[in-house]
PDB file of all heavy atoms in Angstrom:
ATOM      1  N   GLY A   1      -0.447  -2.492   5.005  1.00  0.00           N
ATOM      2  CA  GLY A   1      -1.061  -3.807   4.861  1.00  0.00           C
ATOM      3  C   GLY A   1      -0.268  -4.690   3.922  1.00  0.00           C
ATOM      4  O   GLY A   1       0.793  -4.313   3.423  1.00  0.00           O
ATOM      5  N   HIS A   2      -0.788  -5.877   3.684  1.00  0.00           N
ATOM      6  CA  HIS A   2      -0.101  -6.858   2.846  1.00  0.00           C
ATOM      7  C   HIS A   2      -0.622  -6.772   1.416  1.00  0.00           C
ATOM      8  O   HIS A   2      -1.670  -7.319   1.080  1.00  0.00           O
ATOM      9  CB  HIS A   2      -0.295  -8.260   3.411  1.00  0.00           C
ATOM     10  CG  HIS A   2       0.283  -8.432   4.784  1.00  0.00           C
ATOM     11  ND1 HIS A   2       1.646  -8.441   5.023  1.00  0.00           N
ATOM     12  CD2 HIS A   2      -0.315  -8.565   5.993  1.00  0.00           C
ATOM     13  CE1 HIS A   2       1.865  -8.592   6.318  1.00  0.00           C
ATOM     14  NE2 HIS A   2       0.700  -8.675   6.928  1.00  0.00           N
ATOM     15  N   GLY A   3       0.096  -6.042   0.591  1.00  0.00           N
ATOM     16  CA  GLY A   3      -0.266  -5.882  -0.807  1.00  0.00           C
ATOM     17  C   GLY A   3       0.911  -5.308  -1.574  1.00  0.00           C
ATOM     18  O   GLY A   3       1.335  -4.181  -1.292  1.00  0.00           O
ATOM     19  N   ARG A   4       1.422  -6.066  -2.526  1.00  0.00           N
ATOM     20  CA  ARG A   4       2.573  -5.601  -3.309  1.00  0.00           C
ATOM     21  C   ARG A   4       2.067  -4.782  -4.496  1.00  0.00           C
ATOM     22  O   ARG A   4       2.055  -5.244  -5.631  1.00  0.00           O
ATOM     23  CB  ARG A   4       3.405  -6.792  -3.774  1.00  0.00           C
ATOM     24  CG  ARG A   4       4.056  -7.554  -2.630  1.00  0.00           C
ATOM     25  CD  ARG A   4       4.969  -8.656  -3.120  1.00  0.00           C
ATOM     26  NE  ARG A   4       5.611  -9.360  -2.018  1.00  0.00           N
ATOM     27  CZ  ARG A   4       6.681  -8.932  -1.367  1.00  0.00           C
ATOM     28  NH1 ARG A   4       7.255  -7.791  -1.724  1.00  0.00           N
ATOM     29  NH2 ARG A   4       7.204  -9.637  -0.381  1.00  0.00           N
ATOM     30  N   TRP A   5       1.627  -3.572  -4.187  1.00  0.00           N
ATOM     31  CA  TRP A   5       1.050  -2.696  -5.198  1.00  0.00           C
ATOM     32  C   TRP A   5       2.096  -1.724  -5.730  1.00  0.00           C
ATOM     33  O   TRP A   5       2.975  -1.271  -4.999  1.00  0.00           O
ATOM     34  CB  TRP A   5      -0.104  -1.892  -4.609  1.00  0.00           C
ATOM     35  CG  TRP A   5      -1.316  -2.699  -4.266  1.00  0.00           C
ATOM     36  CD1 TRP A   5      -1.698  -3.887  -4.802  1.00  0.00           C
ATOM     37  CD2 TRP A   5      -2.309  -2.362  -3.297  1.00  0.00           C
ATOM     38  NE1 TRP A   5      -2.875  -4.307  -4.245  1.00  0.00           N
ATOM     39  CE2 TRP A   5      -3.273  -3.405  -3.324  1.00  0.00           C
ATOM     40  CE3 TRP A   5      -2.503  -1.298  -2.418  1.00  0.00           C
ATOM     41  CZ2 TRP A   5      -4.412  -3.398  -2.494  1.00  0.00           C
ATOM     42  CZ3 TRP A   5      -3.626  -1.284  -1.603  1.00  0.00           C
ATOM     43  CH2 TRP A   5      -4.557  -2.322  -1.651  1.00  0.00           C
ATOM     44  N   THR A   6       1.964  -1.399  -7.012  1.00  0.00           N
ATOM     45  CA  THR A   6       2.729  -0.278  -7.556  1.00  0.00           C
ATOM     46  C   THR A   6       2.093   1.010  -7.046  1.00  0.00           C
ATOM     47  O   THR A   6       0.999   1.001  -6.478  1.00  0.00           O
ATOM     48  CB  THR A   6       2.702  -0.291  -9.086  1.00  0.00           C
ATOM     49  OG1 THR A   6       1.340  -0.053  -9.515  1.00  0.00           O
ATOM     50  CG2 THR A   6       3.190  -1.627  -9.643  1.00  0.00           C
ATOM     51  N   ALA A   7       2.773   2.132  -7.268  1.00  0.00           N
ATOM     52  CA  ALA A   7       2.228   3.422  -6.840  1.00  0.00           C
ATOM     53  C   ALA A   7       0.884   3.689  -7.522  1.00  0.00           C
ATOM     54  O   ALA A   7      -0.057   4.193  -6.893  1.00  0.00           O
ATOM     55  CB  ALA A   7       3.216   4.543  -7.147  1.00  0.00           C
ATOM     56  N   ASP A   8       0.782   3.327  -8.800  1.00  0.00           N
ATOM     57  CA  ASP A   8      -0.480   3.537  -9.520  1.00  0.00           C
ATOM     58  C   ASP A   8      -1.582   2.639  -8.978  1.00  0.00           C
ATOM     59  O   ASP A   8      -2.738   3.071  -8.849  1.00  0.00           O
ATOM     60  CB  ASP A   8      -0.284   3.265 -11.024  1.00  0.00           C
ATOM     61  CG  ASP A   8       0.507   4.361 -11.714  1.00  0.00           C
ATOM     62  OD1 ASP A   8       0.619   5.463 -11.139  1.00  0.00           O
ATOM     63  OD2 ASP A   8       1.021   4.103 -12.820  1.00  0.00           O
ATOM     64  N   GLU A   9      -1.247   1.405  -8.645  1.00  0.00           N
ATOM     65  CA  GLU A   9      -2.245   0.483  -8.082  1.00  0.00           C
ATOM     66  C   GLU A   9      -2.713   0.961  -6.713  1.00  0.00           C
ATOM     67  O   GLU A   9      -3.906   0.866  -6.382  1.00  0.00           O
ATOM     68  CB  GLU A   9      -1.659  -0.923  -7.984  1.00  0.00           C
ATOM     69  CG  GLU A   9      -1.486  -1.615  -9.327  1.00  0.00           C
ATOM     70  CD  GLU A   9      -0.700  -2.897  -9.221  1.00  0.00           C
ATOM     71  OE1 GLU A   9       0.110  -3.043  -8.279  1.00  0.00           O
ATOM     72  OE2 GLU A   9      -0.890  -3.773 -10.101  1.00  0.00           O
ATOM     73  N   ALA A  10      -1.789   1.475  -5.921  1.00  0.00           N
ATOM     74  CA  ALA A  10      -2.160   1.995  -4.605  1.00  0.00           C
ATOM     75  C   ALA A  10      -3.089   3.189  -4.732  1.00  0.00           C
ATOM     76  O   ALA A  10      -4.082   3.312  -3.999  1.00  0.00           O
ATOM     77  CB  ALA A  10      -0.904   2.368  -3.820  1.00  0.00           C
ATOM     78  N   ARG A  11      -2.787   4.082  -5.668  1.00  0.00           N
ATOM     79  CA  ARG A  11      -3.662   5.241  -5.880  1.00  0.00           C
ATOM     80  C   ARG A  11      -5.043   4.802  -6.357  1.00  0.00           C
ATOM     81  O   ARG A  11      -6.058   5.355  -5.942  1.00  0.00           O
ATOM     82  CB  ARG A  11      -3.026   6.211  -6.890  1.00  0.00           C
ATOM     83  CG  ARG A  11      -1.969   7.113  -6.278  1.00  0.00           C
ATOM     84  CD  ARG A  11      -1.590   8.237  -7.227  1.00  0.00           C
ATOM     85  NE  ARG A  11      -0.904   7.731  -8.418  1.00  0.00           N
ATOM     86  CZ  ARG A  11       0.406   7.546  -8.504  1.00  0.00           C
ATOM     87  NH1 ARG A  11       1.182   7.826  -7.470  1.00  0.00           N
ATOM     88  NH2 ARG A  11       0.955   7.088  -9.615  1.00  0.00           N
ATOM     89  N   ALA A  12      -5.085   3.801  -7.235  1.00  0.00           N
ATOM     90  CA  ALA A  12      -6.366   3.289  -7.718  1.00  0.00           C
ATOM     91  C   ALA A  12      -7.182   2.691  -6.577  1.00  0.00           C
ATOM     92  O   ALA A  12      -8.418   2.712  -6.602  1.00  0.00           O
ATOM     93  CB  ALA A  12      -6.138   2.251  -8.812  1.00  0.00           C
ATOM     94  N   ALA A  13      -6.500   2.141  -5.560  1.00  0.00           N
ATOM     95  CA  ALA A  13      -7.179   1.568  -4.397  1.00  0.00           C
ATOM     96  C   ALA A  13      -7.577   2.628  -3.382  1.00  0.00           C
ATOM     97  O   ALA A  13      -8.251   2.315  -2.393  1.00  0.00           O
ATOM     98  CB  ALA A  13      -6.281   0.528  -3.729  1.00  0.00           C
ATOM     99  N   GLY A  14      -7.140   3.881  -3.603  1.00  0.00           N
ATOM    100  CA  GLY A  14      -7.534   4.966  -2.710  1.00  0.00           C
ATOM    101  C   GLY A  14      -6.438   5.496  -1.822  1.00  0.00           C
ATOM    102  O   GLY A  14      -6.695   6.335  -0.950  1.00  0.00           O
ATOM    103  N   TYR A  15      -5.181   5.058  -2.038  1.00  0.00           N
ATOM    104  CA  TYR A  15      -4.099   5.437  -1.137  1.00  0.00           C
ATOM    105  C   TYR A  15      -3.156   6.456  -1.763  1.00  0.00           C
ATOM    106  O   TYR A  15      -2.709   6.295  -2.892  1.00  0.00           O
ATOM    107  CB  TYR A  15      -3.302   4.195  -0.723  1.00  0.00           C
ATOM    108  CG  TYR A  15      -4.116   3.263   0.143  1.00  0.00           C
ATOM    109  CD1 TYR A  15      -4.676   2.100  -0.387  1.00  0.00           C
ATOM    110  CD2 TYR A  15      -4.348   3.560   1.472  1.00  0.00           C
ATOM    111  CE1 TYR A  15      -5.439   1.265   0.399  1.00  0.00           C
ATOM    112  CE2 TYR A  15      -5.115   2.732   2.269  1.00  0.00           C
ATOM    113  CZ  TYR A  15      -5.665   1.587   1.733  1.00  0.00           C
ATOM    114  OH  TYR A  15      -6.441   0.760   2.511  1.00  0.00           O
ATOM    115  N   ASP A  16      -2.846   7.481  -0.976  1.00  0.00           N
ATOM    116  CA  ASP A  16      -1.828   8.452  -1.381  1.00  0.00           C
ATOM    117  C   ASP A  16      -0.432   7.927  -1.068  1.00  0.00           C
ATOM    118  O   ASP A  16       0.545   8.308  -1.720  1.00  0.00           O
ATOM    119  CB  ASP A  16      -2.047   9.777  -0.643  1.00  0.00           C
ATOM    120  CG  ASP A  16      -3.377  10.412  -0.997  1.00  0.00           C
ATOM    121  OD1 ASP A  16      -3.504  10.916  -2.122  1.00  0.00           O
ATOM    122  OD2 ASP A  16      -4.299  10.362  -0.159  1.00  0.00           O
ATOM    123  N   ARG A  17      -0.349   7.075  -0.072  1.00  0.00           N
ATOM    124  CA  ARG A  17       0.931   6.484   0.337  1.00  0.00           C
ATOM    125  C   ARG A  17       0.644   5.064   0.803  1.00  0.00           C
ATOM    126  O   ARG A  17      -0.313   4.836   1.553  1.00  0.00           O
ATOM    127  CB  ARG A  17       1.560   7.308   1.465  1.00  0.00           C
ATOM    128  CG  ARG A  17       2.862   6.749   2.033  1.00  0.00           C
ATOM    129  CD  ARG A  17       3.404   7.711   3.081  1.00  0.00           C
ATOM    130  NE  ARG A  17       4.572   7.186   3.774  1.00  0.00           N
ATOM    131  CZ  ARG A  17       5.172   7.808   4.797  1.00  0.00           C
ATOM    132  NH1 ARG A  17       4.714   8.986   5.218  1.00  0.00           N
ATOM    133  NH2 ARG A  17       6.220   7.277   5.388  1.00  0.00           N
ATOM    134  N   TRP A  18       1.438   4.114   0.365  1.00  0.00           N
ATOM    135  CA  TRP A  18       1.192   2.709   0.692  1.00  0.00           C
ATOM    136  C   TRP A  18       2.462   2.060   1.213  1.00  0.00           C
ATOM    137  O   TRP A  18       3.538   2.228   0.643  1.00  0.00           O
ATOM    138  CB  TRP A  18       0.699   1.941  -0.529  1.00  0.00           C
ATOM    139  CG  TRP A  18       0.515   0.478  -0.269  1.00  0.00           C
ATOM    140  CD1 TRP A  18       1.296  -0.547  -0.727  1.00  0.00           C
ATOM    141  CD2 TRP A  18      -0.499  -0.119   0.545  1.00  0.00           C
ATOM    142  NE1 TRP A  18       0.822  -1.746  -0.251  1.00  0.00           N
ATOM    143  CE2 TRP A  18      -0.277  -1.509   0.527  1.00  0.00           C
ATOM    144  CE3 TRP A  18      -1.576   0.384   1.275  1.00  0.00           C
ATOM    145  CZ2 TRP A  18      -1.090  -2.402   1.227  1.00  0.00           C
ATOM    146  CZ3 TRP A  18      -2.384  -0.496   1.964  1.00  0.00           C
ATOM    147  CH2 TRP A  18      -2.147  -1.870   1.938  1.00  0.00           C
ATOM    148  N   VAL A  19       2.323   1.305   2.306  1.00  0.00           N
ATOM    149  CA  VAL A  19       3.442   0.554   2.883  1.00  0.00           C
ATOM    150  C   VAL A  19       3.029  -0.908   2.937  1.00  0.00           C
ATOM    151  O   VAL A  19       2.041  -1.267   3.598  1.00  0.00           O
ATOM    152  CB  VAL A  19       3.787   1.057   4.298  1.00  0.00           C
ATOM    153  CG1 VAL A  19       4.935   0.222   4.881  1.00  0.00           C
ATOM    154  CG2 VAL A  19       4.162   2.537   4.264  1.00  0.00           C
ATOM    155  N   ASN A  20       3.771  -1.753   2.229  1.00  0.00           N
ATOM    156  CA  ASN A  20       3.481  -3.183   2.194  1.00  0.00           C
ATOM    157  C   ASN A  20       4.138  -3.842   3.404  1.00  0.00           C
ATOM    158  O   ASN A  20       5.296  -4.256   3.363  1.00  0.00           O
ATOM    159  CB  ASN A  20       4.009  -3.795   0.894  1.00  0.00           C
ATOM    160  CG  ASN A  20       3.823  -5.305   0.851  1.00  0.00           C
ATOM    161  OD1 ASN A  20       2.865  -5.829   1.399  1.00  0.00           O
ATOM    162  ND2 ASN A  20       4.760  -6.005   0.213  1.00  0.00           N
ATOM    163  N   ALA A  21       3.381  -3.902   4.505  1.00  0.00           N
ATOM    164  CA  ALA A  21       3.918  -4.470   5.748  1.00  0.00           C
ATOM    165  C   ALA A  21       2.774  -4.729   6.716  1.00  0.00           C
ATOM    166  O   ALA A  21       1.688  -4.162   6.590  1.00  0.00           O
ATOM    167  CB  ALA A  21       4.934  -3.519   6.385  1.00  0.00           C
ATOM    168  N   GLY A  22       3.041  -5.577   7.691  1.00  0.00           N
ATOM    169  CA  GLY A  22       2.088  -5.786   8.763  1.00  0.00           C
ATOM    170  C   GLY A  22       2.226  -4.699   9.811  1.00  0.00           C
ATOM    171  O   GLY A  22       3.069  -3.795   9.698  1.00  0.00           O
ATOM    172  N   VAL A  23       1.390  -4.785  10.841  1.00  0.00           N
ATOM    173  CA  VAL A  23       1.441  -3.804  11.926  1.00  0.00           C
ATOM    174  C   VAL A  23       2.532  -4.243  12.899  1.00  0.00           C
ATOM    175  O   VAL A  23       2.294  -4.965  13.872  1.00  0.00           O
ATOM    176  CB  VAL A  23       0.079  -3.693  12.639  1.00  0.00           C
ATOM    177  CG1 VAL A  23       0.143  -2.616  13.729  1.00  0.00           C
ATOM    178  CG2 VAL A  23      -1.019  -3.357  11.643  1.00  0.00           C
ATOM    179  N   THR A  24       3.747  -3.798  12.604  1.00  0.00           N
ATOM    180  CA  THR A  24       4.906  -4.097  13.441  1.00  0.00           C
ATOM    181  C   THR A  24       5.532  -2.794  13.894  1.00  0.00           C
ATOM    182  O   THR A  24       5.311  -1.729  13.290  1.00  0.00           O
ATOM    183  CB  THR A  24       5.956  -4.908  12.669  1.00  0.00           C
ATOM    184  OG1 THR A  24       6.473  -4.092  11.597  1.00  0.00           O
ATOM    185  CG2 THR A  24       5.355  -6.181  12.086  1.00  0.00           C
ATOM    186  N   ALA A  25       6.336  -2.877  14.958  1.00  0.00           N
ATOM    187  CA  ALA A  25       7.000  -1.673  15.448  1.00  0.00           C
ATOM    188  C   ALA A  25       7.896  -1.066  14.372  1.00  0.00           C
ATOM    189  O   ALA A  25       7.949   0.157  14.198  1.00  0.00           O
ATOM    190  CB  ALA A  25       7.805  -2.013  16.700  1.00  0.00           C
TER     191      ALA A  25
END
């Protein structure tokens, strides 16, 4: 999704792995 999160911010949001991008090929 669209979110420029640090690894710690992503974990705080509930994510083990985060990719800052839209749904593209």
